[in-house]
Amino acid sequence: MNWYSILFFQVPFVREPHPTSNLTVPTPGSAGEHTTITVHNCVATVDLHTKLNLSIINARTRNSEYNPSRFHGVVMRLREPRTTALVFQSGKIVCTGSRNEPDALLAAKKFAKIIQRLGFNVQFANFKIQNLVSTCDLRFPIKLENLNMMHGQFSSYEPELFPGLVYRMLKPRMALLIL
């Protein structure tokens, strides 16, 4: 998957430096294979296909919080993998905080197992990764004004409100914040 490909098409031509020059001009192709994408957060959802009694879940589990006057869900935490789950009465769970997709799946299964041990008839269904937050350093400067002018239909750049450019891709559907 090439998540940073939007930065590589229709980039203005950059002239190579004179062979005797000590300066090297970073170009889009110079990032190459050394560019690494680091995932910082993975958000996943799962449906347990059952109605849950949140008071029972909170009373009988460790590392859980439930205050229905503030939030209509139980907040549960795991130490390994370090994740937080929002458990709702409808049986839906939102897992957040894992560093990768396999850990998100493992955490969701652990939360489902904890709830199942409390006597609820749990069916693990519709697991889906909803969001990935990741970063990468392309190691070359990007002129945000030029990128916004050339791709205005996909981008939004208002430096008075936010210092980065928001680029919304259609396929694959994602939003990129370019700083």
N, C-alpha and C. Protein backbone atom coordinates (compact mmCIF):
# COMPACT_ATOMS: atom_id res chain seq x y z
N MET A 1 0.84 -1.17 0.00
CA MET A 1 0.00 0.00 0.00
C MET A 1 0.89 1.24 0.00
N ASN A 2 0.67 2.16 -0.87
CA ASN A 2 1.48 3.36 -0.99
C ASN A 2 0.68 4.54 -0.44
N TRP A 3 0.80 4.81 0.87
CA TRP A 3 -0.01 5.82 1.54
C TRP A 3 0.42 7.24 1.22
N TYR A 4 1.62 7.41 0.75
CA TYR A 4 2.11 8.75 0.50
C TYR A 4 2.21 9.05 -0.98
N SER A 5 1.52 8.30 -1.81
CA SER A 5 1.62 8.49 -3.25
C SER A 5 1.06 9.82 -3.71
N ILE A 6 0.15 10.40 -2.96
CA ILE A 6 -0.43 11.67 -3.40
C ILE A 6 0.61 12.78 -3.48
N LEU A 7 1.70 12.61 -2.80
CA LEU A 7 2.73 13.63 -2.82
C LEU A 7 3.63 13.51 -4.05
N PHE A 8 3.47 12.43 -4.82
CA PHE A 8 4.42 12.16 -5.87
C PHE A 8 3.90 12.45 -7.27
N PHE A 9 2.66 12.82 -7.46
CA PHE A 9 2.23 13.10 -8.82
C PHE A 9 2.00 14.59 -9.01
N GLN A 10 2.29 15.05 -10.20
CA GLN A 10 2.19 16.44 -10.61
C GLN A 10 3.01 17.38 -9.72
N VAL A 11 4.18 16.95 -9.33
CA VAL A 11 5.08 17.81 -8.57
C VAL A 11 5.91 18.60 -9.56
N PRO A 12 6.06 19.91 -9.34
CA PRO A 12 6.83 20.70 -10.28
C PRO A 12 8.26 20.17 -10.44
N PHE A 13 8.78 20.32 -11.63
CA PHE A 13 10.13 19.86 -11.93
C PHE A 13 11.13 20.60 -11.06
N VAL A 14 12.02 19.84 -10.42
CA VAL A 14 13.09 20.43 -9.62
C VAL A 14 14.40 20.17 -10.34
N ARG A 15 15.12 21.23 -10.64
CA ARG A 15 16.36 21.08 -11.39
C ARG A 15 17.44 20.50 -10.49
N GLU A 16 18.19 19.55 -11.02
CA GLU A 16 19.29 18.94 -10.28
C GLU A 16 20.42 19.95 -10.11
N PRO A 17 21.16 19.89 -9.00
CA PRO A 17 22.25 20.83 -8.80
C PRO A 17 23.41 20.54 -9.76
N HIS A 18 24.22 21.53 -9.93
CA HIS A 18 25.42 21.37 -10.74
C HIS A 18 26.29 20.30 -10.09
N PRO A 19 26.95 19.44 -10.89
CA PRO A 19 27.73 18.34 -10.32
C PRO A 19 28.78 18.78 -9.31
N THR A 20 29.29 20.01 -9.42
CA THR A 20 30.31 20.46 -8.48
C THR A 20 29.71 21.11 -7.24
N SER A 21 28.40 21.22 -7.18
CA SER A 21 27.75 21.88 -6.05
C SER A 21 27.77 20.97 -4.82
N ASN A 22 27.95 21.58 -3.65
CA ASN A 22 27.90 20.83 -2.39
C ASN A 22 26.47 20.65 -1.90
N LEU A 23 25.57 21.39 -2.49
CA LEU A 23 24.17 21.31 -2.06
C LEU A 23 23.45 20.21 -2.81
N THR A 24 22.65 19.47 -2.13
CA THR A 24 21.81 18.48 -2.80
C THR A 24 20.37 18.90 -2.63
N VAL A 25 19.65 18.84 -3.69
CA VAL A 25 18.25 19.25 -3.67
C VAL A 25 17.39 18.02 -3.39
N PRO A 26 16.67 18.02 -2.27
CA PRO A 26 15.80 16.87 -2.03
C PRO A 26 14.63 16.88 -3.00
N THR A 27 14.35 15.76 -3.60
CA THR A 27 13.25 15.63 -4.55
C THR A 27 12.30 14.54 -4.09
N PRO A 28 11.09 14.52 -4.62
CA PRO A 28 10.14 13.50 -4.19
C PRO A 28 10.65 12.08 -4.34
N GLY A 29 11.42 11.80 -5.36
CA GLY A 29 11.94 10.45 -5.55
C GLY A 29 13.05 10.08 -4.59
N SER A 30 13.63 11.09 -3.89
CA SER A 30 14.77 10.81 -3.03
C SER A 30 14.38 10.16 -1.71
N ALA A 31 13.10 10.18 -1.35
CA ALA A 31 12.68 9.55 -0.10
C ALA A 31 12.83 8.04 -0.21
N GLY A 32 12.44 7.50 -1.34
CA GLY A 32 12.67 6.11 -1.67
C GLY A 32 12.22 5.10 -0.64
N GLU A 33 12.98 4.03 -0.53
CA GLU A 33 12.61 2.91 0.32
C GLU A 33 12.87 3.18 1.80
N HIS A 34 13.58 4.24 2.12
CA HIS A 34 13.93 4.51 3.51
C HIS A 34 12.80 5.19 4.28
N THR A 35 11.73 5.55 3.59
CA THR A 35 10.61 6.19 4.25
C THR A 35 9.83 5.13 5.02
N THR A 36 9.64 5.38 6.31
CA THR A 36 8.89 4.43 7.12
C THR A 36 7.62 5.09 7.63
N ILE A 37 6.55 4.33 7.63
CA ILE A 37 5.28 4.79 8.16
C ILE A 37 5.11 4.18 9.54
N THR A 38 4.88 5.03 10.54
CA THR A 38 4.71 4.58 11.91
C THR A 38 3.26 4.74 12.33
N VAL A 39 2.63 3.66 12.75
CA VAL A 39 1.25 3.71 13.23
C VAL A 39 1.27 4.07 14.71
N HIS A 40 0.48 5.07 15.10
CA HIS A 40 0.43 5.52 16.48
C HIS A 40 -0.84 5.08 17.20
N ASN A 41 -1.92 4.91 16.46
CA ASN A 41 -3.20 4.52 17.07
C ASN A 41 -4.04 3.79 16.04
N CYS A 42 -4.74 2.79 16.52
CA CYS A 42 -5.62 1.99 15.67
C CYS A 42 -6.97 1.92 16.37
N VAL A 43 -8.03 2.33 15.70
CA VAL A 43 -9.38 2.30 16.27
C VAL A 43 -10.17 1.22 15.54
N ALA A 44 -10.77 0.32 16.32
CA ALA A 44 -11.54 -0.79 15.74
C ALA A 44 -12.89 -0.90 16.44
N THR A 45 -13.86 -1.47 15.72
CA THR A 45 -15.18 -1.72 16.31
C THR A 45 -15.53 -3.19 16.14
N VAL A 46 -16.38 -3.66 17.04
CA VAL A 46 -16.89 -5.03 16.97
C VAL A 46 -18.29 -5.04 17.56
N ASP A 47 -19.12 -5.95 17.07
CA ASP A 47 -20.49 -6.10 17.56
C ASP A 47 -20.60 -7.46 18.24
N LEU A 48 -21.12 -7.48 19.47
CA LEU A 48 -21.27 -8.72 20.22
C LEU A 48 -22.64 -9.36 20.04
N HIS A 49 -23.52 -8.72 19.30
CA HIS A 49 -24.87 -9.23 19.00
C HIS A 49 -25.66 -9.61 20.25
N THR A 50 -25.57 -8.79 21.28
CA THR A 50 -26.37 -9.02 22.48
C THR A 50 -26.51 -7.72 23.24
N LYS A 51 -27.57 -7.60 24.00
CA LYS A 51 -27.75 -6.43 24.87
C LYS A 51 -26.95 -6.66 26.14
N LEU A 52 -26.32 -5.61 26.64
CA LEU A 52 -25.46 -5.73 27.81
C LEU A 52 -26.00 -4.90 28.97
N ASN A 53 -25.80 -5.41 30.17
CA ASN A 53 -26.12 -4.66 31.39
C ASN A 53 -24.80 -4.03 31.85
N LEU A 54 -24.66 -2.75 31.61
CA LEU A 54 -23.40 -2.07 31.86
C LEU A 54 -23.07 -1.98 33.34
N SER A 55 -24.09 -1.91 34.20
CA SER A 55 -23.84 -1.85 35.65
C SER A 55 -23.18 -3.13 36.13
N ILE A 56 -23.64 -4.28 35.62
CA ILE A 56 -23.04 -5.56 36.00
C ILE A 56 -21.59 -5.64 35.50
N ILE A 57 -21.37 -5.22 34.27
CA ILE A 57 -20.01 -5.25 33.71
C ILE A 57 -19.07 -4.40 34.54
N ASN A 58 -19.50 -3.21 34.91
CA ASN A 58 -18.66 -2.32 35.71
C ASN A 58 -18.40 -2.89 37.10
N ALA A 59 -19.44 -3.46 37.73
CA ALA A 59 -19.31 -3.97 39.10
C ALA A 59 -18.41 -5.20 39.17
N ARG A 60 -18.37 -6.00 38.12
CA ARG A 60 -17.67 -7.29 38.19
C ARG A 60 -16.36 -7.34 37.42
N THR A 61 -15.90 -6.22 36.90
CA THR A 61 -14.61 -6.21 36.19
C THR A 61 -13.66 -5.19 36.79
N ARG A 62 -12.38 -5.47 36.62
CA ARG A 62 -11.35 -4.52 37.05
C ARG A 62 -11.10 -3.52 35.93
N ASN A 63 -10.46 -2.44 36.28
CA ASN A 63 -10.06 -1.42 35.31
C ASN A 63 -11.22 -0.97 34.43
N SER A 64 -12.38 -0.76 35.04
CA SER A 64 -13.53 -0.25 34.29
C SER A 64 -14.14 0.93 35.01
N GLU A 65 -14.75 1.81 34.24
CA GLU A 65 -15.41 3.00 34.78
C GLU A 65 -16.78 3.11 34.14
N TYR A 66 -17.78 3.47 34.95
CA TYR A 66 -19.13 3.66 34.40
C TYR A 66 -19.81 4.75 35.19
N ASN A 67 -20.10 5.84 34.54
CA ASN A 67 -20.85 6.95 35.13
C ASN A 67 -21.89 7.37 34.10
N PRO A 68 -23.10 6.77 34.16
CA PRO A 68 -24.10 7.01 33.12
C PRO A 68 -24.55 8.47 33.00
N SER A 69 -24.34 9.27 34.04
CA SER A 69 -24.72 10.68 33.93
C SER A 69 -23.73 11.46 33.06
N ARG A 70 -22.50 10.95 32.93
CA ARG A 70 -21.49 11.62 32.11
C ARG A 70 -21.33 10.99 30.73
N PHE A 71 -21.39 9.63 30.66
CA PHE A 71 -21.16 8.93 29.39
C PHE A 71 -21.93 7.61 29.43
N HIS A 72 -22.62 7.30 28.36
CA HIS A 72 -23.50 6.12 28.32
C HIS A 72 -22.78 4.86 27.89
N GLY A 73 -21.60 4.65 28.40
CA GLY A 73 -20.85 3.44 28.08
C GLY A 73 -19.86 3.14 29.18
N VAL A 74 -19.43 1.89 29.26
CA VAL A 74 -18.40 1.48 30.21
C VAL A 74 -17.05 1.67 29.53
N VAL A 75 -16.12 2.27 30.24
CA VAL A 75 -14.75 2.42 29.76
C VAL A 75 -13.93 1.32 30.42
N MET A 76 -13.41 0.41 29.60
CA MET A 76 -12.59 -0.70 30.11
C MET A 76 -11.18 -0.56 29.56
N ARG A 77 -10.21 -0.99 30.37
CA ARG A 77 -8.81 -0.89 29.94
C ARG A 77 -8.11 -2.23 30.09
N LEU A 78 -7.20 -2.50 29.15
CA LEU A 78 -6.32 -3.66 29.20
C LEU A 78 -4.89 -3.17 29.33
N ARG A 79 -4.06 -3.97 29.99
CA ARG A 79 -2.64 -3.63 30.07
C ARG A 79 -1.86 -4.17 28.89
N GLU A 80 -2.26 -5.36 28.41
CA GLU A 80 -1.54 -5.97 27.29
C GLU A 80 -2.52 -6.61 26.32
N PRO A 81 -2.64 -6.16 25.11
CA PRO A 81 -2.05 -4.93 24.56
C PRO A 81 -2.72 -3.71 25.19
N ARG A 82 -1.96 -2.68 25.37
CA ARG A 82 -2.44 -1.48 26.06
C ARG A 82 -3.53 -0.80 25.22
N THR A 83 -4.78 -1.04 25.60
CA THR A 83 -5.91 -0.51 24.85
C THR A 83 -7.02 -0.11 25.79
N THR A 84 -7.93 0.70 25.27
CA THR A 84 -9.13 1.12 25.98
C THR A 84 -10.32 0.76 25.12
N ALA A 85 -11.38 0.29 25.78
CA ALA A 85 -12.61 -0.05 25.05
C ALA A 85 -13.77 0.76 25.60
N LEU A 86 -14.63 1.18 24.72
CA LEU A 86 -15.90 1.78 25.09
C LEU A 86 -16.95 0.73 24.80
N VAL A 87 -17.61 0.26 25.85
CA VAL A 87 -18.60 -0.82 25.73
C VAL A 87 -19.98 -0.21 25.89
N PHE A 88 -20.86 -0.44 24.93
CA PHE A 88 -22.20 0.15 24.95
C PHE A 88 -23.26 -0.91 25.19
N GLN A 89 -24.41 -0.47 25.69
CA GLN A 89 -25.52 -1.35 26.03
C GLN A 89 -25.99 -2.16 24.81
N SER A 90 -25.83 -1.62 23.62
CA SER A 90 -26.25 -2.30 22.39
C SER A 90 -25.39 -3.52 22.06
N GLY A 91 -24.26 -3.66 22.75
CA GLY A 91 -23.34 -4.76 22.47
C GLY A 91 -22.21 -4.37 21.55
N LYS A 92 -22.14 -3.11 21.20
CA LYS A 92 -21.06 -2.65 20.33
C LYS A 92 -19.88 -2.18 21.20
N ILE A 93 -18.68 -2.45 20.70
CA ILE A 93 -17.45 -2.07 21.40
C ILE A 93 -16.57 -1.28 20.45
N VAL A 94 -15.98 -0.21 20.96
CA VAL A 94 -14.99 0.57 20.22
C VAL A 94 -13.66 0.42 20.96
N CYS A 95 -12.66 -0.16 20.30
CA CYS A 95 -11.33 -0.35 20.89
C CYS A 95 -10.38 0.69 20.32
N THR A 96 -9.64 1.33 21.19
CA THR A 96 -8.70 2.35 20.74
C THR A 96 -7.39 2.23 21.53
N GLY A 97 -6.33 2.72 20.93
CA GLY A 97 -5.05 2.77 21.63
C GLY A 97 -4.04 1.74 21.19
N SER A 98 -4.44 0.74 20.43
CA SER A 98 -3.46 -0.27 20.00
C SER A 98 -2.56 0.33 18.93
N ARG A 99 -1.39 -0.27 18.77
CA ARG A 99 -0.39 0.26 17.84
C ARG A 99 -0.44 -0.39 16.46
N ASN A 100 -1.23 -1.46 16.32
CA ASN A 100 -1.33 -2.12 15.02
C ASN A 100 -2.62 -2.91 14.94
N GLU A 101 -2.93 -3.41 13.75
CA GLU A 101 -4.19 -4.11 13.53
C GLU A 101 -4.28 -5.45 14.26
N PRO A 102 -3.23 -6.28 14.29
CA PRO A 102 -3.33 -7.53 15.05
C PRO A 102 -3.58 -7.30 16.54
N ASP A 103 -2.95 -6.27 17.12
CA ASP A 103 -3.19 -5.95 18.53
C ASP A 103 -4.62 -5.48 18.76
N ALA A 104 -5.18 -4.74 17.81
CA ALA A 104 -6.57 -4.30 17.92
C ALA A 104 -7.51 -5.50 17.92
N LEU A 105 -7.25 -6.47 17.05
CA LEU A 105 -8.07 -7.68 17.01
C LEU A 105 -7.92 -8.48 18.30
N LEU A 106 -6.70 -8.64 18.79
CA LEU A 106 -6.46 -9.36 20.04
C LEU A 106 -7.17 -8.68 21.20
N ALA A 107 -7.08 -7.36 21.28
CA ALA A 107 -7.74 -6.62 22.36
C ALA A 107 -9.25 -6.77 22.29
N ALA A 108 -9.82 -6.67 21.10
CA ALA A 108 -11.27 -6.82 20.94
C ALA A 108 -11.71 -8.20 21.39
N LYS A 109 -10.93 -9.23 21.05
CA LYS A 109 -11.27 -10.59 21.48
C LYS A 109 -11.16 -10.74 23.00
N LYS A 110 -10.16 -10.09 23.60
CA LYS A 110 -10.02 -10.15 25.06
C LYS A 110 -11.20 -9.47 25.76
N PHE A 111 -11.61 -8.30 25.25
CA PHE A 111 -12.77 -7.63 25.84
C PHE A 111 -14.02 -8.49 25.70
N ALA A 112 -14.20 -9.11 24.55
CA ALA A 112 -15.36 -9.98 24.33
C ALA A 112 -15.33 -11.17 25.29
N LYS A 113 -14.15 -11.73 25.52
CA LYS A 113 -13.99 -12.88 26.43
C LYS A 113 -14.32 -12.48 27.87
N ILE A 114 -13.88 -11.30 28.28
CA ILE A 114 -14.18 -10.81 29.63
C ILE A 114 -15.68 -10.69 29.82
N ILE A 115 -16.36 -10.13 28.83
CA ILE A 115 -17.82 -9.95 28.91
C ILE A 115 -18.52 -11.31 28.86
N GLN A 116 -18.01 -12.22 28.07
CA GLN A 116 -18.60 -13.56 27.98
C GLN A 116 -18.50 -14.30 29.31
N ARG A 117 -17.40 -14.14 30.01
CA ARG A 117 -17.21 -14.79 31.32
C ARG A 117 -18.17 -14.26 32.38
N LEU A 118 -18.76 -13.11 32.13
CA LEU A 118 -19.75 -12.55 33.06
C LEU A 118 -21.13 -13.16 32.83
N GLY A 119 -21.28 -14.01 31.84
CA GLY A 119 -22.55 -14.69 31.59
C GLY A 119 -23.35 -14.17 30.42
N PHE A 120 -22.81 -13.24 29.66
CA PHE A 120 -23.52 -12.72 28.49
C PHE A 120 -23.27 -13.64 27.30
N ASN A 121 -24.30 -13.82 26.47
CA ASN A 121 -24.21 -14.66 25.28
C ASN A 121 -23.57 -13.83 24.16
N VAL A 122 -22.28 -13.94 24.01
CA VAL A 122 -21.50 -13.08 23.12
C VAL A 122 -21.22 -13.79 21.80
N GLN A 123 -21.40 -13.05 20.70
CA GLN A 123 -20.98 -13.50 19.37
C GLN A 123 -20.07 -12.42 18.79
N PHE A 124 -18.85 -12.77 18.51
CA PHE A 124 -17.87 -11.82 18.00
C PHE A 124 -18.13 -11.63 16.50
N ALA A 125 -18.65 -10.46 16.12
CA ALA A 125 -19.03 -10.25 14.71
C ALA A 125 -18.68 -8.84 14.26
N ASN A 126 -18.52 -8.70 12.96
CA ASN A 126 -18.32 -7.40 12.30
C ASN A 126 -17.12 -6.62 12.84
N PHE A 127 -16.01 -7.30 13.09
CA PHE A 127 -14.80 -6.60 13.50
C PHE A 127 -14.31 -5.77 12.31
N LYS A 128 -14.01 -4.50 12.58
CA LYS A 128 -13.57 -3.61 11.50
C LYS A 128 -12.62 -2.55 12.04
N ILE A 129 -11.53 -2.33 11.30
CA ILE A 129 -10.63 -1.22 11.61
C ILE A 129 -11.29 0.04 11.06
N GLN A 130 -11.56 1.00 11.94
CA GLN A 130 -12.25 2.22 11.53
C GLN A 130 -11.28 3.35 11.19
N ASN A 131 -10.14 3.38 11.88
CA ASN A 131 -9.23 4.51 11.71
C ASN A 131 -7.81 4.09 12.07
N LEU A 132 -6.85 4.59 11.33
CA LEU A 132 -5.44 4.44 11.64
C LEU A 132 -4.82 5.82 11.69
N VAL A 133 -4.09 6.11 12.75
CA VAL A 133 -3.36 7.37 12.84
C VAL A 133 -1.89 7.02 12.70
N SER A 134 -1.26 7.57 11.68
CA SER A 134 0.14 7.24 11.43
C SER A 134 0.89 8.46 10.93
N THR A 135 2.20 8.38 11.01
CA THR A 135 3.05 9.48 10.54
C THR A 135 4.17 8.93 9.67
N CYS A 136 4.71 9.81 8.85
CA CYS A 136 5.91 9.45 8.10
C CYS A 136 6.64 10.74 7.72
N ASP A 137 7.95 10.65 7.65
CA ASP A 137 8.78 11.77 7.25
C ASP A 137 9.28 11.48 5.84
N LEU A 138 8.87 12.30 4.88
CA LEU A 138 9.27 12.09 3.49
C LEU A 138 10.67 12.61 3.20
N ARG A 139 11.24 13.38 4.10
CA ARG A 139 12.61 13.89 3.99
C ARG A 139 12.83 14.82 2.81
N PHE A 140 11.78 15.51 2.42
CA PHE A 140 11.93 16.59 1.46
C PHE A 140 10.82 17.59 1.73
N PRO A 141 11.07 18.88 1.45
CA PRO A 141 10.06 19.89 1.73
C PRO A 141 8.91 19.83 0.72
N ILE A 142 7.74 20.18 1.19
CA ILE A 142 6.55 20.24 0.33
C ILE A 142 6.02 21.67 0.39
N LYS A 143 5.86 22.29 -0.75
CA LYS A 143 5.29 23.64 -0.79
C LYS A 143 3.78 23.50 -0.73
N LEU A 144 3.23 23.76 0.45
CA LEU A 144 1.81 23.54 0.69
C LEU A 144 0.94 24.42 -0.19
N GLU A 145 1.37 25.66 -0.44
CA GLU A 145 0.58 26.55 -1.30
C GLU A 145 0.46 25.98 -2.70
N ASN A 146 1.58 25.47 -3.24
CA ASN A 146 1.56 24.90 -4.59
C ASN A 146 0.71 23.63 -4.65
N LEU A 147 0.85 22.79 -3.65
CA LEU A 147 0.07 21.55 -3.61
C LEU A 147 -1.42 21.87 -3.54
N ASN A 148 -1.77 22.88 -2.76
CA ASN A 148 -3.18 23.27 -2.65
C ASN A 148 -3.70 23.83 -3.97
N MET A 149 -2.88 24.62 -4.67
CA MET A 149 -3.32 25.17 -5.96
C MET A 149 -3.49 24.07 -7.00
N MET A 150 -2.58 23.12 -7.02
CA MET A 150 -2.62 22.06 -8.03
C MET A 150 -3.68 21.00 -7.74
N HIS A 151 -4.04 20.83 -6.49
CA HIS A 151 -5.01 19.79 -6.10
C HIS A 151 -6.11 20.39 -5.22
N GLY A 152 -6.60 21.55 -5.60
CA GLY A 152 -7.60 22.26 -4.81
C GLY A 152 -8.87 21.49 -4.55
N GLN A 153 -9.26 20.61 -5.47
CA GLN A 153 -10.50 19.85 -5.28
C GLN A 153 -10.36 18.81 -4.17
N PHE A 154 -9.13 18.42 -3.85
CA PHE A 154 -8.90 17.41 -2.82
C PHE A 154 -8.30 17.99 -1.54
N SER A 155 -7.84 19.24 -1.60
CA SER A 155 -7.09 19.77 -0.47
C SER A 155 -7.71 21.02 0.11
N SER A 156 -7.34 21.28 1.35
CA SER A 156 -7.77 22.48 2.05
C SER A 156 -6.56 23.01 2.82
N TYR A 157 -6.21 24.27 2.56
CA TYR A 157 -5.06 24.87 3.22
C TYR A 157 -5.40 26.29 3.63
N GLU A 158 -5.54 26.50 4.93
CA GLU A 158 -5.80 27.82 5.48
C GLU A 158 -4.84 28.02 6.65
N PRO A 159 -3.65 28.56 6.38
CA PRO A 159 -2.62 28.66 7.42
C PRO A 159 -3.01 29.53 8.61
N GLU A 160 -4.01 30.41 8.45
CA GLU A 160 -4.46 31.22 9.58
C GLU A 160 -5.20 30.36 10.61
N LEU A 161 -5.83 29.27 10.14
CA LEU A 161 -6.61 28.40 11.02
C LEU A 161 -5.82 27.18 11.48
N PHE A 162 -5.05 26.59 10.57
CA PHE A 162 -4.29 25.37 10.87
C PHE A 162 -3.04 25.36 10.00
N PRO A 163 -1.87 25.08 10.57
CA PRO A 163 -0.62 25.20 9.79
C PRO A 163 -0.41 24.13 8.73
N GLY A 164 -1.22 23.09 8.72
CA GLY A 164 -1.03 22.02 7.75
C GLY A 164 -2.08 22.02 6.66
N LEU A 165 -1.80 21.25 5.62
CA LEU A 165 -2.73 21.07 4.51
C LEU A 165 -3.50 19.77 4.74
N VAL A 166 -4.81 19.81 4.58
CA VAL A 166 -5.64 18.62 4.70
C VAL A 166 -5.92 18.13 3.28
N TYR A 167 -5.49 16.92 2.99
CA TYR A 167 -5.67 16.33 1.67
C TYR A 167 -6.59 15.13 1.82
N ARG A 168 -7.75 15.18 1.16
CA ARG A 168 -8.73 14.10 1.25
C ARG A 168 -8.72 13.28 -0.04
N MET A 169 -8.26 12.04 0.09
CA MET A 169 -8.22 11.13 -1.06
C MET A 169 -9.55 10.40 -1.15
N LEU A 170 -9.91 10.02 -2.38
CA LEU A 170 -11.15 9.28 -2.60
C LEU A 170 -10.92 7.77 -2.60
N LYS A 171 -9.87 7.32 -3.30
CA LYS A 171 -9.54 5.90 -3.35
C LYS A 171 -8.05 5.73 -3.14
N PRO A 172 -7.62 5.14 -2.08
CA PRO A 172 -8.41 4.72 -0.93
C PRO A 172 -8.90 5.92 -0.15
N ARG A 173 -10.04 5.78 0.50
CA ARG A 173 -10.65 6.88 1.24
C ARG A 173 -9.83 7.16 2.49
N MET A 174 -9.19 8.33 2.52
CA MET A 174 -8.39 8.72 3.68
C MET A 174 -8.16 10.22 3.67
N ALA A 175 -7.82 10.73 4.83
CA ALA A 175 -7.45 12.14 4.96
C ALA A 175 -6.00 12.19 5.43
N LEU A 176 -5.22 13.06 4.79
CA LEU A 176 -3.82 13.23 5.15
C LEU A 176 -3.62 14.65 5.65
N LEU A 177 -2.91 14.80 6.75
CA LEU A 177 -2.52 16.11 7.24
C LEU A 177 -1.05 16.27 6.89
N ILE A 178 -0.75 17.21 6.02
CA ILE A 178 0.62 17.41 5.55
C ILE A 178 1.15 18.68 6.18
N LEU A 179 2.21 18.54 6.98
CA LEU A 179 2.79 19.68 7.69
C LEU A 179 4.17 19.98 7.16
